[in-house]
Amino acid sequence: MGDVWSMVAAERTGLADELEGLAEEQWATLSLCAGWTVREVVAHLLMPFHVSLPKMLWKMATNGFDFDKVSDKVAKSDVRPVTELLDDLRTNAGHRFSPPGFGPEAPLTELVVHGQDIRRPLEFARHVPDDHARVVLDLLVTPKAAKAFAKKGLLTGLRLEVNELEWSYGSGHVVAGRAEAIIMTLAGRTALLDELTGPGLDELRRRI
């Protein structure tokens, strides 16, 4: 798994480099992650570095065991200067946190998805590296992805095809497109749905 951890580090440092020098209004831009600005998405990505497991369990217990609620509070309460946020992302590029039951593919997936949540509204062009995309796609189609990333039953009766990677999954009506569009759609974002094609697209759109 060492290579995947290297991908995780590259995603963190790459994102920090891209966000260096953003104007104040850009930090306040709404991301593709519903309810969060660019700044809040970055703050969320820093949460594993500062919220220990015992502290997270306490926060979960005091917030009805609602992870989304806890994440929202943590992200919106981080009022550090943006220069500190970026320094934090770089300093912890090699941090090896992964959620219980997952390996490095989970933080990689979160970074790829949230990275595009940020870049798309800012109109920053970025091709997700093919090796990163393969790891993320392979995770998003597993049953355990429903615990954190993808909606359960989303792909029943559908076949995904990413021609640029010669990657496919499932059987049934085909949904095809670029890796980024497939990844973001599986992660519940609708912004890239129109980039997908195939006879299974209407059904996938209905399920999102």
N, C-alpha and C. Protein backbone atom coordinates (compact mmCIF):
# COMPACT_ATOMS: atom_id res chain seq x y z
N MET A 1 0.81 -1.21 0.00
CA MET A 1 0.00 0.00 0.00
C MET A 1 0.85 1.27 0.00
N GLY A 2 2.18 1.11 0.03
CA GLY A 2 3.04 2.28 0.07
C GLY A 2 2.81 3.23 -1.08
N ASP A 3 2.58 2.70 -2.28
CA ASP A 3 2.37 3.54 -3.44
C ASP A 3 1.11 4.39 -3.29
N VAL A 4 0.07 3.81 -2.67
CA VAL A 4 -1.17 4.57 -2.49
C VAL A 4 -0.95 5.71 -1.50
N TRP A 5 -0.19 5.47 -0.45
CA TRP A 5 0.12 6.56 0.48
C TRP A 5 0.88 7.67 -0.22
N SER A 6 1.72 7.32 -1.17
CA SER A 6 2.41 8.34 -1.95
C SER A 6 1.43 9.16 -2.78
N MET A 7 0.40 8.50 -3.30
CA MET A 7 -0.65 9.21 -4.03
C MET A 7 -1.38 10.18 -3.12
N VAL A 8 -1.66 9.73 -1.89
CA VAL A 8 -2.34 10.58 -0.91
C VAL A 8 -1.51 11.84 -0.66
N ALA A 9 -0.22 11.67 -0.43
CA ALA A 9 0.65 12.81 -0.19
C ALA A 9 0.69 13.75 -1.38
N ALA A 10 0.72 13.19 -2.57
CA ALA A 10 0.76 14.01 -3.78
C ALA A 10 -0.53 14.81 -3.94
N GLU A 11 -1.66 14.21 -3.60
CA GLU A 11 -2.94 14.94 -3.69
C GLU A 11 -2.95 16.12 -2.72
N ARG A 12 -2.45 15.90 -1.50
CA ARG A 12 -2.46 16.98 -0.51
C ARG A 12 -1.55 18.13 -0.92
N THR A 13 -0.32 17.81 -1.30
CA THR A 13 0.61 18.88 -1.67
C THR A 13 0.17 19.57 -2.96
N GLY A 14 -0.36 18.79 -3.90
CA GLY A 14 -0.82 19.38 -5.16
C GLY A 14 -1.96 20.35 -4.95
N LEU A 15 -2.91 19.98 -4.09
CA LEU A 15 -4.04 20.85 -3.81
C LEU A 15 -3.57 22.13 -3.12
N ALA A 16 -2.67 21.99 -2.14
CA ALA A 16 -2.15 23.17 -1.45
C ALA A 16 -1.46 24.12 -2.42
N ASP A 17 -0.70 23.57 -3.34
CA ASP A 17 0.00 24.40 -4.32
C ASP A 17 -0.99 25.15 -5.21
N GLU A 18 -2.05 24.48 -5.62
CA GLU A 18 -3.04 25.11 -6.50
C GLU A 18 -3.81 26.22 -5.81
N LEU A 19 -4.02 26.08 -4.50
CA LEU A 19 -4.82 27.05 -3.77
C LEU A 19 -3.98 28.22 -3.24
N GLU A 20 -2.68 28.13 -3.36
CA GLU A 20 -1.80 29.21 -2.92
C GLU A 20 -2.15 30.50 -3.68
N GLY A 21 -2.37 31.57 -2.94
CA GLY A 21 -2.63 32.86 -3.58
C GLY A 21 -4.06 33.11 -3.99
N LEU A 22 -4.99 32.24 -3.60
CA LEU A 22 -6.40 32.49 -3.91
C LEU A 22 -6.86 33.81 -3.28
N ALA A 23 -7.72 34.51 -3.98
CA ALA A 23 -8.31 35.72 -3.44
C ALA A 23 -9.35 35.36 -2.38
N GLU A 24 -9.66 36.31 -1.50
CA GLU A 24 -10.59 36.06 -0.42
C GLU A 24 -11.94 35.56 -0.93
N GLU A 25 -12.40 36.18 -2.03
CA GLU A 25 -13.71 35.77 -2.56
C GLU A 25 -13.68 34.36 -3.14
N GLN A 26 -12.51 33.91 -3.61
CA GLN A 26 -12.39 32.55 -4.12
C GLN A 26 -12.49 31.54 -2.98
N TRP A 27 -11.90 31.87 -1.83
CA TRP A 27 -12.02 30.98 -0.68
C TRP A 27 -13.48 30.85 -0.23
N ALA A 28 -14.28 31.88 -0.51
CA ALA A 28 -15.69 31.87 -0.12
C ALA A 28 -16.60 31.27 -1.18
N THR A 29 -16.02 30.80 -2.29
CA THR A 29 -16.81 30.20 -3.37
C THR A 29 -17.48 28.92 -2.89
N LEU A 30 -18.73 28.74 -3.26
CA LEU A 30 -19.42 27.50 -2.91
C LEU A 30 -18.82 26.34 -3.70
N SER A 31 -18.51 25.26 -3.01
CA SER A 31 -17.94 24.08 -3.64
C SER A 31 -19.05 23.17 -4.16
N LEU A 32 -18.66 22.05 -4.75
CA LEU A 32 -19.65 21.06 -5.18
C LEU A 32 -20.14 20.21 -4.01
N CYS A 33 -19.49 20.34 -2.87
CA CYS A 33 -19.92 19.64 -1.67
C CYS A 33 -20.98 20.51 -1.00
N ALA A 34 -22.20 20.07 -1.04
CA ALA A 34 -23.35 20.90 -0.66
C ALA A 34 -23.17 21.55 0.70
N GLY A 35 -23.34 22.87 0.74
CA GLY A 35 -23.31 23.62 1.99
C GLY A 35 -21.95 24.10 2.41
N TRP A 36 -20.90 23.72 1.69
CA TRP A 36 -19.54 24.09 2.09
C TRP A 36 -18.87 24.98 1.05
N THR A 37 -18.15 25.98 1.55
CA THR A 37 -17.31 26.80 0.69
C THR A 37 -15.98 26.08 0.44
N VAL A 38 -15.18 26.65 -0.44
CA VAL A 38 -13.85 26.11 -0.69
C VAL A 38 -13.06 26.02 0.61
N ARG A 39 -13.11 27.08 1.40
CA ARG A 39 -12.39 27.10 2.67
C ARG A 39 -12.84 25.97 3.58
N GLU A 40 -14.14 25.74 3.66
CA GLU A 40 -14.67 24.72 4.56
C GLU A 40 -14.32 23.31 4.10
N VAL A 41 -14.24 23.11 2.81
CA VAL A 41 -13.80 21.80 2.32
C VAL A 41 -12.35 21.55 2.72
N VAL A 42 -11.50 22.55 2.57
CA VAL A 42 -10.10 22.40 2.99
C VAL A 42 -10.02 22.11 4.48
N ALA A 43 -10.80 22.86 5.28
CA ALA A 43 -10.80 22.63 6.73
C ALA A 43 -11.24 21.21 7.06
N HIS A 44 -12.20 20.70 6.31
CA HIS A 44 -12.66 19.32 6.53
C HIS A 44 -11.54 18.32 6.26
N LEU A 45 -10.77 18.57 5.21
CA LEU A 45 -9.67 17.66 4.88
C LEU A 45 -8.60 17.63 5.97
N LEU A 46 -8.55 18.68 6.78
CA LEU A 46 -7.56 18.75 7.86
C LEU A 46 -8.05 18.10 9.15
N MET A 47 -9.32 17.77 9.22
CA MET A 47 -9.90 17.25 10.46
C MET A 47 -9.18 16.03 11.00
N PRO A 48 -8.79 15.04 10.20
CA PRO A 48 -8.14 13.85 10.77
C PRO A 48 -6.81 14.14 11.46
N PHE A 49 -6.18 15.28 11.12
CA PHE A 49 -4.89 15.60 11.72
C PHE A 49 -5.03 16.10 13.15
N HIS A 50 -6.22 16.56 13.51
CA HIS A 50 -6.38 17.26 14.78
C HIS A 50 -7.47 16.71 15.69
N VAL A 51 -8.32 15.86 15.15
CA VAL A 51 -9.40 15.28 15.96
C VAL A 51 -9.07 13.81 16.18
N SER A 52 -8.61 13.50 17.39
CA SER A 52 -8.24 12.12 17.71
C SER A 52 -9.48 11.23 17.75
N LEU A 53 -9.26 9.92 17.74
CA LEU A 53 -10.39 8.99 17.78
C LEU A 53 -11.24 9.19 19.04
N PRO A 54 -10.63 9.31 20.25
CA PRO A 54 -11.46 9.56 21.43
C PRO A 54 -12.26 10.86 21.33
N LYS A 55 -11.61 11.90 20.79
CA LYS A 55 -12.30 13.18 20.65
C LYS A 55 -13.44 13.06 19.63
N MET A 56 -13.21 12.31 18.55
CA MET A 56 -14.25 12.12 17.55
C MET A 56 -15.43 11.34 18.15
N LEU A 57 -15.14 10.32 18.94
CA LEU A 57 -16.22 9.56 19.57
C LEU A 57 -17.04 10.44 20.50
N TRP A 58 -16.36 11.33 21.23
CA TRP A 58 -17.09 12.26 22.10
C TRP A 58 -17.95 13.21 21.27
N LYS A 59 -17.41 13.73 20.19
CA LYS A 59 -18.18 14.63 19.34
C LYS A 59 -19.38 13.90 18.72
N MET A 60 -19.16 12.66 18.31
CA MET A 60 -20.26 11.88 17.74
C MET A 60 -21.36 11.67 18.78
N ALA A 61 -20.97 11.32 19.99
CA ALA A 61 -21.95 11.06 21.05
C ALA A 61 -22.76 12.29 21.39
N THR A 62 -22.12 13.46 21.31
CA THR A 62 -22.82 14.70 21.67
C THR A 62 -23.57 15.31 20.48
N ASN A 63 -23.49 14.66 19.33
CA ASN A 63 -24.19 15.15 18.14
C ASN A 63 -25.05 14.06 17.51
N GLY A 64 -25.59 13.19 18.36
CA GLY A 64 -26.51 12.17 17.88
C GLY A 64 -25.89 11.16 16.94
N PHE A 65 -24.56 10.97 17.05
CA PHE A 65 -23.84 10.04 16.19
C PHE A 65 -24.07 10.34 14.71
N ASP A 66 -24.16 11.62 14.43
CA ASP A 66 -24.34 12.12 13.06
C ASP A 66 -22.99 12.63 12.56
N PHE A 67 -22.29 11.82 11.77
CA PHE A 67 -20.96 12.20 11.31
C PHE A 67 -20.99 13.46 10.46
N ASP A 68 -22.00 13.59 9.61
CA ASP A 68 -22.09 14.78 8.76
C ASP A 68 -22.22 16.05 9.60
N LYS A 69 -22.99 15.96 10.67
CA LYS A 69 -23.17 17.11 11.56
C LYS A 69 -21.86 17.48 12.24
N VAL A 70 -21.13 16.47 12.72
CA VAL A 70 -19.84 16.71 13.35
C VAL A 70 -18.88 17.34 12.35
N SER A 71 -18.80 16.78 11.16
CA SER A 71 -17.89 17.30 10.13
C SER A 71 -18.20 18.75 9.81
N ASP A 72 -19.49 19.06 9.72
CA ASP A 72 -19.91 20.43 9.40
C ASP A 72 -19.46 21.40 10.48
N LYS A 73 -19.65 21.00 11.72
CA LYS A 73 -19.26 21.87 12.85
C LYS A 73 -17.76 22.09 12.87
N VAL A 74 -16.99 21.02 12.67
CA VAL A 74 -15.54 21.14 12.70
C VAL A 74 -15.05 22.03 11.56
N ALA A 75 -15.58 21.81 10.37
CA ALA A 75 -15.15 22.59 9.20
C ALA A 75 -15.47 24.07 9.37
N LYS A 76 -16.64 24.37 9.88
CA LYS A 76 -17.06 25.77 9.99
C LYS A 76 -16.47 26.49 11.20
N SER A 77 -15.91 25.73 12.13
CA SER A 77 -15.31 26.34 13.32
C SER A 77 -13.82 26.60 13.16
N ASP A 78 -13.24 26.14 12.08
CA ASP A 78 -11.81 26.34 11.84
C ASP A 78 -11.62 27.73 11.22
N VAL A 79 -11.21 28.69 12.03
CA VAL A 79 -11.12 30.08 11.59
C VAL A 79 -9.67 30.54 11.40
N ARG A 80 -8.76 29.60 11.28
CA ARG A 80 -7.37 29.97 11.06
C ARG A 80 -7.19 30.71 9.74
N PRO A 81 -6.15 31.53 9.63
CA PRO A 81 -5.84 32.15 8.34
C PRO A 81 -5.62 31.08 7.28
N VAL A 82 -5.96 31.40 6.04
CA VAL A 82 -5.86 30.39 4.98
C VAL A 82 -4.41 29.95 4.76
N THR A 83 -3.47 30.83 5.06
CA THR A 83 -2.06 30.42 4.93
C THR A 83 -1.74 29.28 5.88
N GLU A 84 -2.35 29.29 7.07
CA GLU A 84 -2.14 28.21 8.03
C GLU A 84 -2.82 26.92 7.57
N LEU A 85 -3.96 27.05 6.93
CA LEU A 85 -4.64 25.86 6.41
C LEU A 85 -3.76 25.17 5.37
N LEU A 86 -3.19 25.95 4.49
CA LEU A 86 -2.35 25.36 3.44
C LEU A 86 -1.07 24.79 4.02
N ASP A 87 -0.49 25.48 4.99
CA ASP A 87 0.71 24.94 5.65
C ASP A 87 0.38 23.61 6.33
N ASP A 88 -0.79 23.54 6.94
CA ASP A 88 -1.23 22.33 7.62
C ASP A 88 -1.36 21.18 6.63
N LEU A 89 -1.92 21.47 5.46
CA LEU A 89 -2.10 20.45 4.44
C LEU A 89 -0.75 19.93 3.96
N ARG A 90 0.20 20.83 3.79
CA ARG A 90 1.53 20.41 3.33
C ARG A 90 2.29 19.65 4.43
N THR A 91 2.24 20.19 5.64
CA THR A 91 2.97 19.57 6.75
C THR A 91 2.50 18.14 6.99
N ASN A 92 1.21 17.92 6.80
CA ASN A 92 0.63 16.60 7.06
C ASN A 92 0.41 15.78 5.79
N ALA A 93 1.14 16.12 4.74
CA ALA A 93 0.96 15.41 3.47
C ALA A 93 1.16 13.91 3.63
N GLY A 94 2.08 13.53 4.50
CA GLY A 94 2.37 12.10 4.68
C GLY A 94 1.58 11.45 5.79
N HIS A 95 0.62 12.15 6.37
CA HIS A 95 -0.18 11.60 7.47
C HIS A 95 -0.91 10.34 7.00
N ARG A 96 -0.91 9.31 7.84
CA ARG A 96 -1.46 8.01 7.41
C ARG A 96 -2.76 7.64 8.12
N PHE A 97 -3.60 8.63 8.34
CA PHE A 97 -4.92 8.32 8.88
C PHE A 97 -5.80 7.67 7.82
N SER A 98 -6.53 6.65 8.23
CA SER A 98 -7.61 6.11 7.38
C SER A 98 -8.76 5.71 8.30
N PRO A 99 -10.00 5.84 7.85
CA PRO A 99 -11.14 5.49 8.70
C PRO A 99 -11.12 4.01 9.05
N PRO A 100 -11.71 3.64 10.19
CA PRO A 100 -11.76 2.22 10.58
C PRO A 100 -12.35 1.36 9.47
N GLY A 101 -11.67 0.27 9.16
CA GLY A 101 -12.15 -0.64 8.12
C GLY A 101 -11.66 -0.32 6.73
N PHE A 102 -10.93 0.79 6.59
CA PHE A 102 -10.41 1.19 5.28
C PHE A 102 -8.90 1.29 5.33
N GLY A 103 -8.30 1.30 4.15
CA GLY A 103 -6.87 1.54 4.02
C GLY A 103 -6.64 2.89 3.36
N PRO A 104 -5.47 3.09 2.77
CA PRO A 104 -5.14 4.39 2.17
C PRO A 104 -6.02 4.78 1.00
N GLU A 105 -6.74 3.80 0.44
CA GLU A 105 -7.63 4.14 -0.67
C GLU A 105 -8.75 5.08 -0.23
N ALA A 106 -9.10 5.08 1.07
CA ALA A 106 -10.17 5.96 1.56
C ALA A 106 -9.74 7.42 1.59
N PRO A 107 -8.60 7.77 2.24
CA PRO A 107 -8.19 9.17 2.17
C PRO A 107 -7.87 9.62 0.75
N LEU A 108 -7.37 8.72 -0.09
CA LEU A 108 -7.13 9.10 -1.48
C LEU A 108 -8.45 9.46 -2.16
N THR A 109 -9.48 8.66 -1.93
CA THR A 109 -10.79 8.93 -2.53
C THR A 109 -11.34 10.26 -2.04
N GLU A 110 -11.23 10.50 -0.73
CA GLU A 110 -11.73 11.76 -0.19
C GLU A 110 -11.00 12.95 -0.80
N LEU A 111 -9.70 12.82 -0.95
CA LEU A 111 -8.91 13.92 -1.52
C LEU A 111 -9.24 14.16 -2.98
N VAL A 112 -9.40 13.10 -3.75
CA VAL A 112 -9.73 13.26 -5.17
C VAL A 112 -11.10 13.91 -5.31
N VAL A 113 -12.08 13.41 -4.57
CA VAL A 113 -13.44 13.94 -4.68
C VAL A 113 -13.51 15.37 -4.18
N HIS A 114 -13.02 15.62 -2.98
CA HIS A 114 -13.08 16.98 -2.43
C HIS A 114 -12.18 17.94 -3.22
N GLY A 115 -11.10 17.42 -3.77
CA GLY A 115 -10.26 18.26 -4.61
C GLY A 115 -11.03 18.78 -5.81
N GLN A 116 -11.81 17.90 -6.43
CA GLN A 116 -12.63 18.33 -7.58
C GLN A 116 -13.83 19.16 -7.13
N ASP A 117 -14.33 18.90 -5.91
CA ASP A 117 -15.37 19.78 -5.34
C ASP A 117 -14.90 21.22 -5.33
N ILE A 118 -13.62 21.41 -5.08
CA ILE A 118 -13.01 22.74 -5.01
C ILE A 118 -12.67 23.27 -6.40
N ARG A 119 -12.00 22.45 -7.20
CA ARG A 119 -11.46 22.94 -8.47
C ARG A 119 -12.54 23.28 -9.48
N ARG A 120 -13.58 22.49 -9.54
CA ARG A 120 -14.62 22.72 -10.55
C ARG A 120 -15.25 24.12 -10.44
N PRO A 121 -15.74 24.53 -9.26
CA PRO A 121 -16.33 25.87 -9.17
C PRO A 121 -15.32 26.99 -9.40
N LEU A 122 -14.04 26.73 -9.09
CA LEU A 122 -13.00 27.72 -9.32
C LEU A 122 -12.50 27.71 -10.76
N GLU A 123 -13.00 26.76 -11.55
CA GLU A 123 -12.63 26.60 -12.95
C GLU A 123 -11.14 26.31 -13.11
N PHE A 124 -10.63 25.48 -12.19
CA PHE A 124 -9.25 25.00 -12.29
C PHE A 124 -9.26 23.67 -13.04
N ALA A 125 -8.62 23.63 -14.18
CA ALA A 125 -8.57 22.38 -14.95
C ALA A 125 -7.60 21.41 -14.29
N ARG A 126 -8.02 20.16 -14.20
CA ARG A 126 -7.14 19.15 -13.64
C ARG A 126 -7.54 17.76 -14.09
N HIS A 127 -6.58 17.02 -14.63
CA HIS A 127 -6.81 15.62 -14.97
C HIS A 127 -6.40 14.76 -13.79
N VAL A 128 -7.33 13.99 -13.25
CA VAL A 128 -7.01 13.08 -12.16
C VAL A 128 -6.02 12.04 -12.69
N PRO A 129 -4.86 11.91 -12.09
CA PRO A 129 -3.89 10.92 -12.59
C PRO A 129 -4.52 9.53 -12.72
N ASP A 130 -4.17 8.84 -13.80
CA ASP A 130 -4.81 7.56 -14.08
C ASP A 130 -4.66 6.56 -12.94
N ASP A 131 -3.46 6.51 -12.31
CA ASP A 131 -3.27 5.53 -11.25
C ASP A 131 -4.11 5.88 -10.02
N HIS A 132 -4.27 7.19 -9.75
CA HIS A 132 -5.13 7.61 -8.65
C HIS A 132 -6.58 7.24 -8.96
N ALA A 133 -6.99 7.52 -10.19
CA ALA A 133 -8.38 7.26 -10.58
C ALA A 133 -8.74 5.79 -10.46
N ARG A 134 -7.82 4.92 -10.83
CA ARG A 134 -8.09 3.47 -10.75
C ARG A 134 -8.34 3.04 -9.30
N VAL A 135 -7.51 3.52 -8.40
CA VAL A 135 -7.67 3.16 -6.98
C VAL A 135 -9.03 3.65 -6.47
N VAL A 136 -9.37 4.88 -6.81
CA VAL A 136 -10.63 5.46 -6.34
C VAL A 136 -11.82 4.72 -6.93
N LEU A 137 -11.80 4.46 -8.21
CA LEU A 137 -12.90 3.74 -8.86
C LEU A 137 -13.07 2.36 -8.24
N ASP A 138 -11.96 1.67 -8.02
CA ASP A 138 -12.04 0.33 -7.44
C ASP A 138 -12.67 0.34 -6.05
N LEU A 139 -12.44 1.41 -5.29
CA LEU A 139 -13.07 1.50 -3.97
C LEU A 139 -14.55 1.85 -4.09
N LEU A 140 -14.89 2.80 -4.95
CA LEU A 140 -16.26 3.31 -5.01
C LEU A 140 -17.29 2.27 -5.45
N VAL A 141 -16.85 1.19 -6.09
CA VAL A 141 -17.79 0.17 -6.53
C VAL A 141 -17.88 -1.00 -5.55
N THR A 142 -17.17 -0.91 -4.42
CA THR A 142 -17.24 -1.98 -3.42
C THR A 142 -18.41 -1.75 -2.48
N PRO A 143 -18.93 -2.82 -1.87
CA PRO A 143 -20.03 -2.64 -0.91
C PRO A 143 -19.67 -1.73 0.26
N LYS A 144 -18.41 -1.77 0.72
CA LYS A 144 -18.06 -0.95 1.88
C LYS A 144 -18.03 0.54 1.55
N ALA A 145 -18.01 0.89 0.26
CA ALA A 145 -18.04 2.31 -0.11
C ALA A 145 -19.32 2.98 0.37
N ALA A 146 -20.40 2.18 0.53
CA ALA A 146 -21.68 2.73 0.98
C ALA A 146 -21.59 3.26 2.41
N LYS A 147 -20.54 2.86 3.14
CA LYS A 147 -20.38 3.34 4.52
C LYS A 147 -19.94 4.80 4.56
N ALA A 148 -19.30 5.26 3.48
CA ALA A 148 -18.72 6.60 3.56
C ALA A 148 -18.80 7.42 2.28
N PHE A 149 -18.90 6.76 1.13
CA PHE A 149 -18.71 7.51 -0.11
C PHE A 149 -19.88 7.43 -1.10
N ALA A 150 -20.43 6.26 -1.31
CA ALA A 150 -21.39 6.05 -2.38
C ALA A 150 -22.71 5.52 -1.83
N LYS A 151 -23.77 5.84 -2.51
CA LYS A 151 -25.11 5.41 -2.11
C LYS A 151 -25.28 3.90 -2.34
N LYS A 152 -25.81 3.21 -1.37
CA LYS A 152 -26.03 1.77 -1.49
C LYS A 152 -27.01 1.47 -2.61
N GLY A 153 -26.69 0.46 -3.42
CA GLY A 153 -27.56 0.04 -4.51
C GLY A 153 -27.52 0.92 -5.74
N LEU A 154 -26.61 1.87 -5.76
CA LEU A 154 -26.55 2.83 -6.86
C LEU A 154 -26.29 2.16 -8.20
N LEU A 155 -25.52 1.09 -8.20
CA LEU A 155 -25.08 0.50 -9.47
C LEU A 155 -25.78 -0.80 -9.83
N THR A 156 -26.79 -1.18 -9.09
CA THR A 156 -27.50 -2.42 -9.40
C THR A 156 -28.04 -2.40 -10.83
N GLY A 157 -27.66 -3.41 -11.62
CA GLY A 157 -28.15 -3.52 -12.99
C GLY A 157 -27.51 -2.57 -13.98
N LEU A 158 -26.40 -1.96 -13.57
CA LEU A 158 -25.70 -1.02 -14.45
C LEU A 158 -24.25 -1.47 -14.67
N ARG A 159 -23.70 -1.07 -15.80
CA ARG A 159 -22.30 -1.35 -16.11
C ARG A 159 -21.59 -0.02 -16.35
N LEU A 160 -20.51 0.21 -15.64
CA LEU A 160 -19.71 1.42 -15.81
C LEU A 160 -18.55 1.14 -16.75
N GLU A 161 -18.26 2.10 -17.62
CA GLU A 161 -17.12 1.97 -18.53
C GLU A 161 -16.35 3.28 -18.58
N VAL A 162 -15.05 3.18 -18.30
CA VAL A 162 -14.16 4.34 -18.42
C VAL A 162 -13.16 4.00 -19.51
N ASN A 163 -13.42 4.48 -20.71
CA ASN A 163 -12.63 4.07 -21.87
C ASN A 163 -11.18 4.50 -21.77
N GLU A 164 -10.92 5.66 -21.19
CA GLU A 164 -9.54 6.17 -21.13
C GLU A 164 -8.64 5.27 -20.30
N LEU A 165 -9.26 4.50 -19.38
CA LEU A 165 -8.49 3.61 -18.51
C LEU A 165 -8.68 2.14 -18.87
N GLU A 166 -9.54 1.86 -19.83
CA GLU A 166 -9.95 0.48 -20.12
C GLU A 166 -10.42 -0.19 -18.84
N TRP A 167 -11.22 0.54 -18.08
CA TRP A 167 -11.74 0.09 -16.78
C TRP A 167 -13.25 -0.07 -16.89
N SER A 168 -13.78 -1.14 -16.30
CA SER A 168 -15.23 -1.33 -16.32
C SER A 168 -15.65 -2.07 -15.06
N TYR A 169 -16.93 -2.00 -14.78
CA TYR A 169 -17.47 -2.68 -13.61
C TYR A 169 -18.96 -2.96 -13.83
N GLY A 170 -19.40 -4.15 -13.40
CA GLY A 170 -20.82 -4.47 -13.38
C GLY A 170 -21.35 -5.00 -14.70
N SER A 171 -22.64 -5.26 -14.71
CA SER A 171 -23.30 -5.74 -15.91
C SER A 171 -24.69 -5.12 -15.98
N GLY A 172 -25.15 -4.93 -17.22
CA GLY A 172 -26.45 -4.31 -17.41
C GLY A 172 -26.33 -3.13 -18.36
N HIS A 173 -27.22 -2.16 -18.20
CA HIS A 173 -27.20 -0.98 -19.06
C HIS A 173 -25.95 -0.16 -18.79
N VAL A 174 -25.31 0.27 -19.87
CA VAL A 174 -24.01 0.92 -19.78
C VAL A 174 -24.14 2.40 -19.44
N VAL A 175 -23.24 2.84 -18.56
CA VAL A 175 -22.99 4.27 -18.34
C VAL A 175 -21.51 4.48 -18.58
N ALA A 176 -21.16 5.37 -19.50
CA ALA A 176 -19.77 5.55 -19.89
C ALA A 176 -19.36 7.01 -19.74
N GLY A 177 -18.08 7.21 -19.52
CA GLY A 177 -17.57 8.57 -19.43
C GLY A 177 -16.14 8.60 -18.93
N ARG A 178 -15.63 9.82 -18.75
CA ARG A 178 -14.28 9.98 -18.23
C ARG A 178 -14.23 9.58 -16.76
N ALA A 179 -13.03 9.26 -16.30
CA ALA A 179 -12.87 8.81 -14.92
C ALA A 179 -13.39 9.84 -13.93
N GLU A 180 -13.03 11.10 -14.12
CA GLU A 180 -13.47 12.14 -13.18
C GLU A 180 -14.98 12.20 -13.08
N ALA A 181 -15.66 12.16 -14.22
CA ALA A 181 -17.12 12.25 -14.21
C ALA A 181 -17.76 11.05 -13.51
N ILE A 182 -17.23 9.86 -13.75
CA ILE A 182 -17.74 8.67 -13.08
C ILE A 182 -17.50 8.76 -11.57
N ILE A 183 -16.29 9.15 -11.19
CA ILE A 183 -15.94 9.25 -9.76
C ILE A 183 -16.86 10.22 -9.05
N MET A 184 -17.01 11.41 -9.59
CA MET A 184 -17.81 12.43 -8.92
C MET A 184 -19.28 12.04 -8.86
N THR A 185 -19.76 11.38 -9.88
CA THR A 185 -21.15 10.93 -9.88
C THR A 185 -21.37 9.84 -8.84
N LEU A 186 -20.46 8.89 -8.76
CA LEU A 186 -20.58 7.84 -7.74
C LEU A 186 -20.54 8.43 -6.33
N ALA A 187 -19.81 9.53 -6.18
CA ALA A 187 -19.71 10.18 -4.87
C ALA A 187 -20.90 11.11 -4.59
N GLY A 188 -21.91 11.07 -5.47
CA GLY A 188 -23.14 11.80 -5.20
C GLY A 188 -23.22 13.20 -5.76
N ARG A 189 -22.25 13.58 -6.57
CA ARG A 189 -22.29 14.90 -7.19
C ARG A 189 -23.01 14.82 -8.53
N THR A 190 -23.87 15.76 -8.80
CA THR A 190 -24.65 15.74 -10.05
C THR A 190 -24.06 16.65 -11.11
N ALA A 191 -23.05 17.43 -10.77
CA ALA A 191 -22.54 18.46 -11.69
C ALA A 191 -21.95 17.89 -12.97
N LEU A 192 -21.49 16.64 -12.94
CA LEU A 192 -20.84 16.06 -14.11
C LEU A 192 -21.69 14.99 -14.79
N LEU A 193 -22.94 14.86 -14.36
CA LEU A 193 -23.81 13.85 -14.96
C LEU A 193 -23.97 14.03 -16.46
N ASP A 194 -24.04 15.27 -16.91
CA ASP A 194 -24.25 15.52 -18.33
C ASP A 194 -23.05 15.15 -19.19
N GLU A 195 -21.92 14.87 -18.55
CA GLU A 195 -20.74 14.43 -19.30
C GLU A 195 -20.77 12.92 -19.56
N LEU A 196 -21.71 12.22 -18.92
CA LEU A 196 -21.80 10.77 -19.09
C LEU A 196 -22.76 10.43 -20.22
N THR A 197 -22.62 9.23 -20.76
CA THR A 197 -23.47 8.77 -21.84
C THR A 197 -23.88 7.32 -21.58
N GLY A 198 -24.81 6.83 -22.40
CA GLY A 198 -25.18 5.43 -22.34
C GLY A 198 -26.62 5.20 -21.93
N PRO A 199 -27.14 4.02 -22.27
CA PRO A 199 -28.54 3.71 -22.00
C PRO A 199 -28.88 3.60 -20.51
N GLY A 200 -27.88 3.49 -19.65
CA GLY A 200 -28.14 3.41 -18.22
C GLY A 200 -28.12 4.75 -17.51
N LEU A 201 -27.85 5.82 -18.26
CA LEU A 201 -27.67 7.11 -17.62
C LEU A 201 -28.94 7.63 -16.95
N ASP A 202 -30.08 7.47 -17.59
CA ASP A 202 -31.32 7.97 -16.98
C ASP A 202 -31.60 7.29 -15.66
N GLU A 203 -31.34 6.00 -15.59
CA GLU A 203 -31.57 5.28 -14.33
C GLU A 203 -30.59 5.73 -13.26
N LEU A 204 -29.34 5.92 -13.65
CA LEU A 204 -28.35 6.40 -12.68
C LEU A 204 -28.72 7.78 -12.19
N ARG A 205 -29.16 8.63 -13.09
CA ARG A 205 -29.57 9.98 -12.72
C ARG A 205 -30.73 9.94 -11.72
N ARG A 206 -31.65 9.03 -11.93
CA ARG A 206 -32.81 8.92 -11.03
C ARG A 206 -32.39 8.49 -9.63
N ARG A 207 -31.33 7.66 -9.55
CA ARG A 207 -30.91 7.12 -8.26
C ARG A 207 -30.04 8.08 -7.44
N ILE A 208 -29.37 9.00 -8.11
CA ILE A 208 -28.45 9.91 -7.40
C ILE A 208 -29.20 10.77 -6.40
